[in-house]
């Protein structure tokens, strides 16, 4: 029996801005001085992490002190209750007492080293950068004082997810501050919520092979809890190629107590697949668009390219086939993708897309608004790919694809960035579920959604641009499609010029034959 869904909040925005995060951000931002945002985010998030695990430790520590039969300094007492063991020199009270001393940076580094030494799951994860000369120790002390006023890891604040809200808020602000580079570790929360709500990962294996800071995993866990499910009903698998982002993900999952397998180190999904034998129930991902240096030349005979060898100069279709390779026979994947993937025909991409469509793998395409992502201002799209679109869990829809045009949705939350509202999420998710489910009623809506037959898609040359089917204006194009069309147009002009010269020469020959 399907669990009843809880509707998203009716509030306009999904922002985690609730006041104290902003004050904390302002205090942390003072530390930046001449530091790059990519550097100082690890300083700030490292301190927040330290406060969280210290709060969790202290709560259990006080209980053990009151228990005559327990040893409050026995490491095993804490590990038995899934609480990180915090040595004395790493406890918050000690750091707070020394926050105004010049050596506070070294004391924090020593605390991080001591915690890693006592907790295997954190080995090689925590930042040890606080003693560096260019880090303002006065500001560092101020941050420690500021964070000291906020409870995070005790039972009461865990239930309110205070730490999670601070962490998400900071990740978003750091991504905004870093601009293009920030998108490597952070996917906007509204986009993550949309993908999770569409796929409904209630139970099974959830995989993200380019997991960034782990937002897809966090939202999947939240989805389970919001629908009265059990957190241990899903198993988390992931992979991340950037070493600092991998550490950020490990910390993000650790503070939430989310069990995971994202490997013992960072690794590239194409060259070093850490989960070769994994077949996932759900794949959720925001992949790096249009990367050209993914090592495709050395992987042309790879077993993953079942539907065609992806071009060495663009990894988009390598990612898609990597996802499909890791889906179980009834699995489904939802991922963010560049708009060029919908219509590009160069370097064999058109043939691969045609194969995916003819093999009945493509389930739904959603055209997204521009300015949703920190890493790019161009619009992107969502692909949903399913291995079983017959009459299994949902209705038989293997001969059609749902197109949704959401380009006009969302509202600007800053001068540069847009966010999907709760009402937007409800409309998109409801449309997809009404089309997919056996008992729900679905109707095409001009300008918004269309369930197109494979025959109709074939007539459009296997192009998957939603605007062609729902009846709206032509999609905005990314650089790849623009470049492709310019090449085509240049070729057409050259061809026309040659034909024109040929005709002119023929006319001259005819005139000469007539004596002119």
Protein backbone atom coordinates (compact mmCIF):
# COMPACT_ATOMS: atom_id res chain seq x y z
CA UNK A 1 0.00 0.00 0.00
CA UNK A 2 1.48 3.35 -1.03
CA UNK A 3 2.33 5.73 1.76
CA UNK A 4 0.41 8.97 1.90
CA UNK A 5 2.43 11.90 0.66
CA UNK A 6 2.92 15.00 2.73
CA UNK A 7 2.49 18.09 0.62
CA UNK A 8 5.30 20.62 0.48
CA UNK A 9 4.90 23.72 2.60
CA UNK A 10 2.87 26.50 1.06
CA UNK A 11 5.62 29.03 1.76
CA UNK A 12 7.05 30.65 -1.31
CA UNK A 13 10.69 29.83 -0.69
CA UNK A 14 12.59 26.79 0.50
CA UNK A 15 15.47 28.82 1.94
CA UNK A 16 16.97 27.73 5.23
CA UNK A 17 17.45 31.37 6.29
CA UNK A 18 16.05 31.54 9.83
CA UNK A 19 18.03 34.39 11.38
CA UNK A 20 20.91 33.04 13.44
CA UNK A 21 22.54 31.47 10.37
CA UNK A 22 22.89 34.95 8.88
CA UNK A 23 24.50 36.30 12.07
CA UNK A 24 26.86 33.34 12.13
CA UNK A 25 27.67 33.86 8.46
CA UNK A 26 28.47 37.54 9.04
CA UNK A 27 30.82 36.59 11.87
CA UNK A 28 32.48 33.89 9.75
CA UNK A 29 32.76 36.16 6.73
CA UNK A 30 34.96 38.56 8.70
CA UNK A 31 37.59 35.84 8.70
CA UNK A 32 37.91 35.83 4.95
CA UNK A 33 40.13 38.92 4.57
CA UNK A 34 42.29 37.89 1.60
CA UNK A 35 41.40 34.20 1.74
CA UNK A 36 39.66 32.59 -1.19
CA UNK A 37 36.12 31.32 -0.38
CA UNK A 38 37.25 27.83 -1.41
CA UNK A 39 39.81 28.01 1.41
CA UNK A 40 37.93 29.62 4.24
CA UNK A 41 34.82 27.46 3.88
CA UNK A 42 36.88 24.56 5.23
CA UNK A 43 37.95 26.70 8.18
CA UNK A 44 34.39 27.67 9.11
CA UNK A 45 32.73 24.32 8.42
CA UNK A 46 35.54 22.57 10.30
CA UNK A 47 34.84 24.65 13.41
CA UNK A 48 31.09 24.01 13.11
CA UNK A 49 31.76 20.27 12.81
CA UNK A 50 33.98 20.38 15.90
CA UNK A 51 31.25 22.10 17.94
CA UNK A 52 28.64 19.58 16.83
CA UNK A 53 30.54 16.43 17.78
CA UNK A 54 31.66 18.04 21.03
CA UNK A 55 28.02 18.82 21.96
CA UNK A 56 27.02 15.23 21.21
CA UNK A 57 29.91 13.95 23.28
CA UNK A 58 29.22 16.27 26.24
CA UNK A 59 25.56 15.27 26.46
CA UNK A 60 26.47 11.58 26.83
CA UNK A 61 29.45 12.48 29.02
CA UNK A 62 27.17 14.16 31.60
CA UNK A 63 24.86 11.14 31.64
CA UNK A 64 27.78 8.77 32.20
CA UNK A 65 29.10 10.94 35.03
CA UNK A 66 25.77 10.47 36.81
CA UNK A 67 25.86 6.70 36.30
CA UNK A 68 27.78 4.99 39.13
CA UNK A 69 28.33 1.90 37.00
CA UNK A 70 29.75 3.71 33.96
CA UNK A 71 33.15 5.22 33.17
CA UNK A 72 32.69 8.64 31.55
CA UNK A 73 36.22 8.45 30.08
CA UNK A 74 35.78 5.00 28.51
CA UNK A 75 35.94 5.43 24.71
CA UNK A 76 33.86 2.31 24.11
CA UNK A 77 30.87 3.78 25.98
CA UNK A 78 30.59 6.43 23.27
CA UNK A 79 31.29 4.26 20.26
CA UNK A 80 28.60 1.82 21.44
CA UNK A 81 26.04 4.63 21.11
CA UNK A 82 27.38 5.93 17.77
CA UNK A 83 28.82 9.03 19.41
CA UNK A 84 32.27 10.21 18.32
CA UNK A 85 34.87 9.95 21.09
CA UNK A 86 36.37 13.40 21.74
CA UNK A 87 39.71 13.50 23.62
CA UNK A 88 40.09 16.14 26.35
CA UNK A 89 42.24 18.50 24.30
CA UNK A 90 39.64 18.48 21.51
CA UNK A 91 36.59 19.26 23.65
CA UNK A 92 34.83 22.54 23.07
CA UNK A 93 35.20 23.80 26.63
CA UNK A 94 38.98 23.55 26.32
CA UNK A 95 39.06 25.33 22.95
CA UNK A 96 36.65 28.02 24.14
CA UNK A 97 38.82 28.70 27.20
CA UNK A 98 41.82 29.23 24.90
CA UNK A 99 40.02 31.00 22.04
CA UNK A 100 41.73 34.35 22.61
CA UNK A 101 45.26 32.98 22.79
CA UNK A 102 47.69 33.43 19.86
CA UNK A 103 48.20 29.64 19.64
CA UNK A 104 44.47 28.89 19.13
CA UNK A 105 45.13 27.84 15.53
CA UNK A 106 47.56 25.12 16.59
CA UNK A 107 45.18 23.98 19.34
CA UNK A 108 42.37 23.52 16.80
CA UNK A 109 44.67 21.60 14.44
CA UNK A 110 45.74 19.38 17.34
CA UNK A 111 42.06 18.80 18.20
CA UNK A 112 41.31 17.69 14.64
CA UNK A 113 44.28 15.32 14.62
CA UNK A 114 43.28 13.83 17.99
CA UNK A 115 39.67 13.25 16.87
CA UNK A 116 40.77 11.54 13.64
CA UNK A 117 43.14 9.32 15.59
CA UNK A 118 40.33 8.10 17.86
CA UNK A 119 37.59 7.72 15.20
CA UNK A 120 38.40 5.56 12.17
CA UNK A 121 35.54 6.90 10.02
CA UNK A 122 37.05 10.41 10.17
CA UNK A 123 40.63 9.48 9.23
CA UNK A 124 41.98 11.90 6.63
CA UNK A 125 38.72 13.87 6.55
CA UNK A 126 39.00 16.83 8.95
CA UNK A 127 40.80 20.07 7.98
CA UNK A 128 44.13 20.79 9.69
CA UNK A 129 44.68 24.33 8.38
CA UNK A 130 44.06 26.51 11.42
CA UNK A 131 47.70 27.23 12.35
CA UNK A 132 48.55 28.62 8.92
CA UNK A 133 50.14 32.11 9.17
CA UNK A 134 47.60 33.85 6.88
CA UNK A 135 44.65 32.82 9.07
CA UNK A 136 43.66 35.67 11.40
CA UNK A 137 43.78 34.13 14.89
CA UNK A 138 41.78 36.99 16.42
CA UNK A 139 38.94 36.33 13.98
CA UNK A 140 39.24 32.59 14.63
CA UNK A 141 38.76 33.24 18.35
CA UNK A 142 35.71 35.42 17.60
CA UNK A 143 34.19 32.60 15.52
CA UNK A 144 34.69 30.13 18.36
CA UNK A 145 33.00 32.57 20.77
CA UNK A 146 30.09 33.11 18.35
CA UNK A 147 29.54 29.40 17.71
CA UNK A 148 29.71 28.74 21.45
CA UNK A 149 26.32 30.47 21.84
CA UNK A 150 24.55 27.91 19.62
CA UNK A 151 23.71 24.37 20.70
CA UNK A 152 24.06 21.82 17.92
CA UNK A 153 24.75 18.21 18.85
CA UNK A 154 22.56 17.62 21.90
CA UNK A 155 19.26 15.76 21.61
CA UNK A 156 17.05 18.86 21.60
CA UNK A 157 18.94 20.65 18.85
CA UNK A 158 19.40 17.46 16.83
CA UNK A 159 15.60 17.13 16.74
CA UNK A 160 15.38 20.66 15.37
CA UNK A 161 18.20 19.88 12.91
CA UNK A 162 19.93 23.11 13.94
CA UNK A 163 23.29 21.89 12.69
CA UNK A 164 21.83 20.68 9.40
CA UNK A 165 20.19 24.03 8.78
CA UNK A 166 23.41 25.91 9.53
CA UNK A 167 25.41 23.54 7.32
CA UNK A 168 23.02 23.80 4.36
CA UNK A 169 22.86 27.57 4.73
CA UNK A 170 26.64 27.87 4.80
CA UNK A 171 27.14 25.50 1.86
CA UNK A 172 24.73 27.60 -0.19
CA UNK A 173 26.42 30.87 0.81
CA UNK A 174 29.88 29.50 0.08
CA UNK A 175 28.71 28.24 -3.32
CA UNK A 176 27.31 31.69 -4.09
CA UNK A 177 30.55 33.37 -2.96
CA UNK A 178 32.68 31.03 -5.06
CA UNK A 179 30.51 31.42 -8.16
CA UNK A 180 31.28 28.88 -10.89
CA UNK A 181 33.54 26.73 -8.69
CA UNK A 182 30.88 26.46 -6.00
CA UNK A 183 28.66 24.28 -8.15
CA UNK A 184 31.16 21.46 -7.82
CA UNK A 185 30.13 20.78 -4.24
CA UNK A 186 26.63 22.19 -3.92
CA UNK A 187 23.34 21.63 -5.75
CA UNK A 188 20.60 24.13 -4.82
CA UNK A 189 18.21 22.62 -2.30
CA UNK A 190 15.09 23.19 -4.41
CA UNK A 191 16.60 21.17 -7.29
CA UNK A 192 17.61 18.35 -4.94
CA UNK A 193 14.14 18.32 -3.35
CA UNK A 194 12.55 18.13 -6.80
CA UNK A 195 14.61 15.14 -7.93
CA UNK A 196 14.09 13.28 -4.65
CA UNK A 197 10.33 13.93 -4.64
CA UNK A 198 10.01 12.72 -8.24
CA UNK A 199 11.97 9.50 -7.67
CA UNK A 200 10.61 8.74 -4.16
CA UNK A 201 13.56 6.75 -2.76
CA UNK A 202 11.60 5.02 0.01
CA UNK A 203 13.66 1.86 0.14
CA UNK A 204 16.76 0.44 -1.52
CA UNK A 205 20.21 1.50 -2.68
CA UNK A 206 20.74 5.20 -3.47
CA UNK A 207 23.80 6.05 -5.57
CA UNK A 208 25.41 9.34 -6.61
CA UNK A 209 28.67 8.88 -8.57
CA UNK A 210 29.49 12.62 -8.49
CA UNK A 211 28.14 13.32 -5.02
CA UNK A 212 29.70 16.69 -4.17
CA UNK A 213 28.97 17.54 -0.53
CA UNK A 214 26.27 14.85 -0.30
CA UNK A 215 23.10 16.92 -0.69
CA UNK A 216 21.26 14.19 -2.59
CA UNK A 217 21.85 11.74 0.27
CA UNK A 218 20.76 14.20 2.95
CA UNK A 219 17.54 15.03 1.11
CA UNK A 220 16.79 11.32 0.53
CA UNK A 221 17.05 10.72 4.28
CA UNK A 222 14.80 13.72 4.95
CA UNK A 223 12.28 12.38 2.43
CA UNK A 224 12.15 9.03 4.24
CA UNK A 225 11.63 10.70 7.61
CA UNK A 226 8.97 13.09 6.27
CA UNK A 227 6.97 10.12 5.01
CA UNK A 228 7.18 8.16 8.27
CA UNK A 229 9.78 5.77 6.93
CA UNK A 230 12.94 4.31 8.46
CA UNK A 231 16.36 5.78 7.73
CA UNK A 232 17.92 2.33 7.56
CA UNK A 233 15.57 1.40 4.71
CA UNK A 234 18.04 3.01 2.29
CA UNK A 235 21.74 2.33 1.75
CA UNK A 236 23.94 5.20 0.59
CA UNK A 237 26.65 4.78 -2.07
CA UNK A 238 28.66 7.55 -3.64
CA UNK A 239 31.85 8.73 -5.24
CA UNK A 240 33.56 12.12 -5.59
CA UNK A 241 36.69 13.00 -7.57
CA UNK A 242 37.62 16.26 -5.85
CA UNK A 243 39.59 15.50 -2.64
CA UNK A 244 38.43 18.55 -0.66
CA UNK A 245 34.83 18.05 -1.73
CA UNK A 246 35.05 14.37 -0.76
CA UNK A 247 36.13 15.42 2.74
CA UNK A 248 33.27 17.93 2.86
CA UNK A 249 30.82 15.14 1.99
CA UNK A 250 32.22 12.84 4.68
CA UNK A 251 31.79 15.62 7.25
CA UNK A 252 28.29 16.50 6.03
CA UNK A 253 27.13 12.89 6.37
CA UNK A 254 28.96 12.36 9.67
CA UNK A 255 27.24 15.28 11.41
CA UNK A 256 23.89 13.83 10.45
CA UNK A 257 24.73 10.29 11.46
CA UNK A 258 24.12 9.00 7.92
CA UNK A 259 25.81 5.65 7.27
CA UNK A 260 27.41 5.63 3.84
CA UNK A 261 29.88 4.07 1.45
CA UNK A 262 31.53 6.83 -0.54
CA UNK A 263 34.89 5.09 -0.65
CA UNK A 264 38.02 5.38 1.43
CA UNK A 265 39.33 8.15 -0.80
CA UNK A 266 38.33 10.47 -3.63
CA UNK A 267 38.27 8.83 -7.07
CA UNK A 268 37.21 9.56 -10.65
CA UNK A 269 34.07 7.62 -11.62
CA UNK A 270 35.25 6.97 -15.17
CA UNK A 271 38.85 5.90 -14.52
CA UNK A 272 38.33 4.35 -11.07
CA UNK A 273 34.77 3.15 -10.51
CA UNK A 274 34.66 2.35 -6.77
CA UNK A 275 31.36 0.48 -7.05
CA UNK A 276 31.83 -1.65 -10.18
CA UNK A 277 29.35 -4.32 -9.13
CA UNK A 278 26.72 -1.97 -7.67
CA UNK A 279 23.21 -2.10 -9.09
CA UNK A 280 21.23 0.72 -7.54
CA UNK A 281 17.50 1.21 -7.06
CA UNK A 282 17.89 4.99 -7.36
CA UNK A 283 20.55 7.21 -8.86
CA UNK A 284 20.47 10.94 -8.10
CA UNK A 285 23.15 13.24 -9.50
CA UNK A 286 24.16 16.73 -10.54
CA UNK A 287 27.03 15.95 -12.86
CA UNK A 288 29.70 18.37 -14.14
CA UNK A 289 28.43 19.49 -17.57
CA UNK A 290 30.31 19.20 -20.85
CA UNK A 291 33.68 18.18 -19.40
CA UNK A 292 36.21 17.50 -22.16
CA UNK A 293 39.15 16.08 -20.19
CA UNK A 294 37.44 12.97 -18.81
CA UNK A 295 39.84 10.45 -20.37
CA UNK A 296 37.49 9.17 -23.05
CA UNK A 297 40.26 8.22 -25.50
CA UNK A 298 41.49 5.50 -23.14
CA UNK A 299 38.00 4.13 -22.47
CA UNK A 300 36.59 3.55 -25.96
CA UNK A 301 36.09 -0.19 -25.39
CA UNK A 302 34.59 0.20 -21.90
CA UNK A 303 31.72 -2.18 -21.04
CA UNK A 304 29.56 0.75 -19.93
CA UNK A 305 29.10 2.11 -23.48
CA UNK A 306 26.27 -0.23 -24.38
CA UNK A 307 24.43 2.37 -26.46
CA UNK A 308 27.38 3.94 -28.27
CA UNK A 309 30.90 5.20 -27.57
CA UNK A 310 30.66 8.71 -26.07
CA UNK A 311 32.85 11.38 -27.71
CA UNK A 312 36.23 11.96 -26.11
CA UNK A 313 35.58 15.70 -26.08
CA UNK A 314 32.36 15.65 -24.06
CA UNK A 315 31.41 13.42 -21.10
CA UNK A 316 27.65 14.04 -21.00
CA UNK A 317 26.66 10.78 -22.65
CA UNK A 318 29.39 8.92 -20.78
CA UNK A 319 27.68 10.00 -17.54
CA UNK A 320 24.25 8.91 -18.79
CA UNK A 321 25.51 5.46 -19.74
CA UNK A 322 27.46 5.21 -16.46
CA UNK A 323 24.18 5.79 -14.61
CA UNK A 324 22.30 3.20 -16.67
CA UNK A 325 25.10 0.67 -16.17
CA UNK A 326 24.66 0.98 -12.40
CA UNK A 327 20.85 0.66 -12.35
CA UNK A 328 19.23 -2.60 -11.34
CA UNK A 329 16.58 -3.97 -13.78
CA UNK A 330 13.84 -2.03 -11.97
CA UNK A 331 15.98 1.02 -11.10
CA UNK A 332 15.44 4.67 -11.98
CA UNK A 333 17.86 7.59 -12.30
CA UNK A 334 17.21 11.31 -12.06
CA UNK A 335 19.96 13.78 -12.89
CA UNK A 336 20.73 17.34 -13.93
CA UNK A 337 22.11 17.69 -17.44
CA UNK A 338 23.16 20.38 -19.92
CA UNK A 339 20.48 21.39 -22.41
CA UNK A 340 22.75 20.43 -25.27
CA UNK A 341 22.19 16.78 -24.42
CA UNK A 342 18.60 17.09 -25.65
CA UNK A 343 19.39 17.97 -29.26
CA UNK A 344 23.11 17.66 -29.98
CA UNK A 345 23.92 15.47 -32.98
CA UNK A 346 27.70 15.91 -33.26
CA UNK A 347 30.30 13.20 -32.54
CA UNK A 348 27.72 10.43 -32.37
CA UNK A 349 25.66 11.97 -29.55
CA UNK A 350 22.52 11.97 -31.67
CA UNK A 351 22.87 8.24 -32.36
CA UNK A 352 23.37 7.45 -28.67
CA UNK A 353 20.30 9.49 -27.73
CA UNK A 354 18.27 7.70 -30.42
CA UNK A 355 19.34 4.31 -29.01
CA UNK A 356 18.32 5.36 -25.49
CA UNK A 357 14.91 6.42 -26.77
CA UNK A 358 14.37 3.33 -28.90
CA UNK A 359 15.40 1.10 -25.99
CA UNK A 360 12.58 2.76 -23.98
CA UNK A 361 14.92 4.06 -21.28
CA UNK A 362 14.03 7.76 -21.25
CA UNK A 363 11.11 8.39 -18.91
CA UNK A 364 10.76 12.14 -18.45
CA UNK A 365 12.51 15.39 -19.44
CA UNK A 366 12.05 18.62 -17.48
CA UNK A 367 13.24 21.95 -18.92
CA UNK A 368 14.50 24.04 -15.99
CA UNK A 369 14.64 27.83 -15.51
CA UNK A 370 17.89 29.69 -15.91
CA UNK A 371 19.88 31.03 -12.93
CA UNK A 372 19.14 28.05 -10.66
CA UNK A 373 22.75 26.96 -10.34
CA UNK A 374 25.76 28.69 -8.84
CA UNK A 375 28.10 27.09 -11.35
CA UNK A 376 26.38 28.32 -14.52
CA UNK A 377 23.83 30.89 -15.58
CA UNK A 378 22.68 28.89 -18.61
CA UNK A 379 19.49 26.83 -18.22
CA UNK A 380 19.76 23.11 -17.65
CA UNK A 381 17.33 20.19 -17.72
CA UNK A 382 16.44 17.10 -15.72
CA UNK A 383 16.55 13.62 -17.21
CA UNK A 384 14.69 10.71 -15.66
CA UNK A 385 15.83 7.35 -17.00
CA UNK A 386 14.16 4.08 -16.00
CA UNK A 387 15.18 0.48 -16.70
CA UNK A 388 11.59 -0.84 -16.37
CA UNK A 389 8.80 1.25 -17.85
CA UNK A 390 6.36 -1.59 -18.39
CA UNK A 391 3.71 -2.80 -15.97
CA UNK A 392 5.83 -3.24 -12.84
CA UNK A 393 5.42 -0.84 -9.92
CA UNK A 394 3.91 1.87 -12.12
CA UNK A 395 1.78 1.88 -15.25
CA UNK A 396 3.00 0.74 -18.65
CA UNK A 397 4.44 3.87 -20.30
CA UNK A 398 7.27 2.36 -22.36
CA UNK A 399 6.02 3.84 -25.65
CA UNK A 400 5.92 7.47 -24.52
CA UNK A 401 8.00 10.12 -22.79
CA UNK A 402 6.70 12.89 -20.55
CA UNK A 403 7.92 16.42 -21.28
CA UNK A 404 7.56 19.22 -18.72
CA UNK A 405 8.46 22.84 -19.45
CA UNK A 406 9.30 24.57 -16.15
CA UNK A 407 11.38 27.39 -17.64
CA UNK A 408 9.06 30.12 -16.39
CA UNK A 409 8.93 28.81 -12.83
CA UNK A 410 10.82 29.93 -9.75
CA UNK A 411 11.50 33.29 -8.17
CA UNK A 412 14.66 35.34 -7.81
CA UNK A 413 16.08 35.06 -4.28
CA UNK A 414 19.21 37.10 -5.06
CA UNK A 415 20.19 39.31 -7.98
CA UNK A 416 21.89 36.31 -9.59
CA UNK A 417 20.02 33.24 -8.45
CA UNK A 418 16.55 31.79 -8.80
CA UNK A 419 14.85 29.18 -6.62
CA UNK A 420 11.89 26.90 -7.28
CA UNK A 421 9.04 27.55 -4.84
CA UNK A 422 7.12 24.92 -2.90
CA UNK A 423 4.18 25.44 -5.30
CA UNK A 424 6.49 24.88 -8.29
CA UNK A 425 7.78 21.64 -6.79
CA UNK A 426 4.26 20.42 -6.06
CA UNK A 427 3.12 21.10 -9.62
CA UNK A 428 6.07 19.40 -11.33
CA UNK A 429 6.11 16.41 -8.99
CA UNK A 430 2.32 16.03 -9.14
CA UNK A 431 2.35 16.11 -12.94
CA UNK A 432 5.02 13.41 -13.16
CA UNK A 433 3.34 11.15 -10.59
CA UNK A 434 -0.10 11.56 -12.18
CA UNK A 435 1.40 10.46 -15.50
CA UNK A 436 3.45 7.61 -14.01
CA UNK A 437 1.05 6.09 -11.47
CA UNK A 438 -1.57 3.50 -12.35
CA UNK A 439 -4.62 5.10 -10.74
CA UNK A 440 -3.92 8.84 -11.03
CA UNK A 441 -5.33 10.94 -13.85
CA UNK A 442 -3.01 12.83 -16.17
CA UNK A 443 -3.81 15.43 -18.86
CA UNK A 444 -1.59 17.28 -21.31
CA UNK A 445 -1.46 21.03 -20.57
CA UNK A 446 -0.55 23.28 -23.49
CA UNK A 447 2.66 25.12 -22.79
CA UNK A 448 3.51 23.02 -19.72
CA UNK A 449 3.41 19.25 -20.19
CA UNK A 450 2.95 16.68 -22.93
CA UNK A 451 3.08 12.87 -22.99
CA UNK A 452 4.57 12.30 -26.45
CA UNK A 453 4.58 8.99 -28.29
CA UNK A 454 7.81 7.51 -29.62
CA UNK A 455 6.42 7.94 -33.12
CA UNK A 456 6.03 11.66 -32.52
CA UNK A 457 9.55 11.89 -31.08
CA UNK A 458 10.88 10.05 -34.12
CA UNK A 459 9.28 12.68 -36.37
CA UNK A 460 11.25 15.32 -34.47
CA UNK A 461 14.51 13.53 -35.20
CA UNK A 462 14.78 12.10 -31.67
CA UNK A 463 15.28 15.58 -30.24
CA UNK A 464 14.11 15.77 -26.60
CA UNK A 465 13.64 19.54 -26.22
CA UNK A 466 10.35 19.93 -24.24
CA UNK A 467 9.40 23.13 -26.09
CA UNK A 468 8.95 21.13 -29.31
CA UNK A 469 6.23 19.02 -27.70
CA UNK A 470 4.41 21.19 -25.17
CA UNK A 471 3.93 24.04 -27.63
CA UNK A 472 6.11 26.75 -26.13
CA UNK A 473 8.88 28.91 -27.59
CA UNK A 474 12.18 27.36 -28.58
CA UNK A 475 14.46 26.45 -25.67
CA UNK A 476 17.40 28.67 -24.76
CA UNK A 477 20.54 26.94 -25.88
CA UNK A 478 23.81 26.28 -24.14
CA UNK A 479 27.22 26.91 -25.69
CA UNK A 480 27.49 23.39 -27.11
CA UNK A 481 24.27 23.65 -29.14
CA UNK A 482 25.10 27.21 -30.26
CA UNK A 483 28.53 26.13 -31.47
CA UNK A 484 27.04 23.13 -33.23
CA UNK A 485 24.45 25.25 -35.05
CA UNK A 486 27.09 27.82 -36.03
CA UNK A 487 29.17 25.03 -37.59
CA UNK A 488 26.10 23.82 -39.47
CA UNK A 489 25.19 27.35 -40.63
CA UNK A 490 28.77 28.03 -41.74
CA UNK A 491 28.75 24.79 -43.69
CA UNK A 492 25.43 25.68 -45.32
CA UNK A 493 26.74 29.12 -46.33
CA UNK A 494 29.89 27.60 -47.79
CA UNK A 495 27.81 25.05 -49.69
CA UNK A 496 25.48 27.78 -50.98
CA UNK A 497 28.46 29.88 -52.05
CA UNK A 498 29.93 26.93 -53.98
CA UNK A 499 26.59 26.25 -55.68
CA UNK A 500 26.29 29.94 -56.54
CA UNK A 501 29.77 30.01 -58.10
CA UNK A 502 29.01 26.83 -60.01
CA UNK A 503 25.80 28.33 -61.39
CA UNK A 504 27.59 31.56 -62.31
CA UNK A 505 30.29 29.63 -64.17
CA UNK A 506 27.66 27.61 -66.01
CA UNK A 507 25.85 30.78 -67.11
CA UNK A 508 29.16 32.26 -68.33
CA UNK A 509 29.85 29.08 -70.31
CA UNK A 510 26.37 29.18 -71.89
CA UNK A 511 26.75 32.86 -72.78
CA UNK A 512 30.14 32.14 -74.31
CA UNK A 513 28.57 29.37 -76.38
CA UNK A 514 26.09 31.88 -77.77
CA UNK A 515 28.84 34.25 -78.76
CA UNK A 516 28.64 36.71 -75.89
